[in-house]
Amino acid sequence: MASGSRAYHIGLFGATGATGLHILKQSLQHDKLTILARTPSKLATFIRDSPNVSVIQGDTRNPHDVDKVVASGIDGVINCVGGGTAMFFGGEKDICQVTNKHIVQSMQTHGVSRLVTISGIGVGSGAEFMPWYMTLGRMAVQPLMHHIMDDKEKVEALVTKSGLDYTIVRPPVLTNGPLCGRYRAGVDVVGLSVARADLAHFMLRVFRDEEYAKKIGQTPTIAY
């Protein structure tokens, strides 16, 4: 992706989630967005009424709904569907892999190549960079989180074999702190937390900027 003042047409999934809303707010004045929302009423009025936003009502579990977004002339996809706290309580334990599967298949069909999607710290090759205390912590919560990690492992396996120009971002614990724009990012980065606003900032930078073109095909972790 080239950097500079070019406006992109972004297909955004997970727009009504906490991170997705930050993506919307940070890109609304510069880019065009086509978003899929199961409940569009969750979006603020200023977002729904923006001339830069096209809202398609639908569900990421429905491949036909996903296809409507990808076929709308987008330059690429940012996917913020991460499962959220509902996954701790038995809800939609495979939502990440199902969503990414439908996105990948649709992108392959329509010749859209750029994908930025979310995983989690310690998933896949990220485990080798985790310090011992984080590894122990992960083992302690494994009984509660194993289905979440399994879901994200399957996402990474799917995306890395997709043939797309992907970047898989692995955040640690997400907070509701303000955007500061100062964080570390890289395949060997470890950290305890990052604000959703900064995660959104990084995902947009990876999508847009020439500086981050090297992260195509990589799985950077972002943290403070």
Foldseek 3Di string as FASTA:
>chain_A
DAADQDAFEEEEEPCLPPLNVLLCVVRVVRYAYEYEACDVVSDDPCSVPRPRYHYDHDDLLDLVSLLVRLQPPGQEYEYEDQPPPVCLVPPPLQRLLSSLVSNLVSCVVNVRFEYEYEAAQCADPNVVLDDPVVVVVCVVCCVRCVSSSVNRNSSVVCVLPSNGQYEYEHEAAEDQDDDDLDKDKDSNDDAHYDYSSNVSVVSVCCRHYPVNSVRGSHYMYIYD
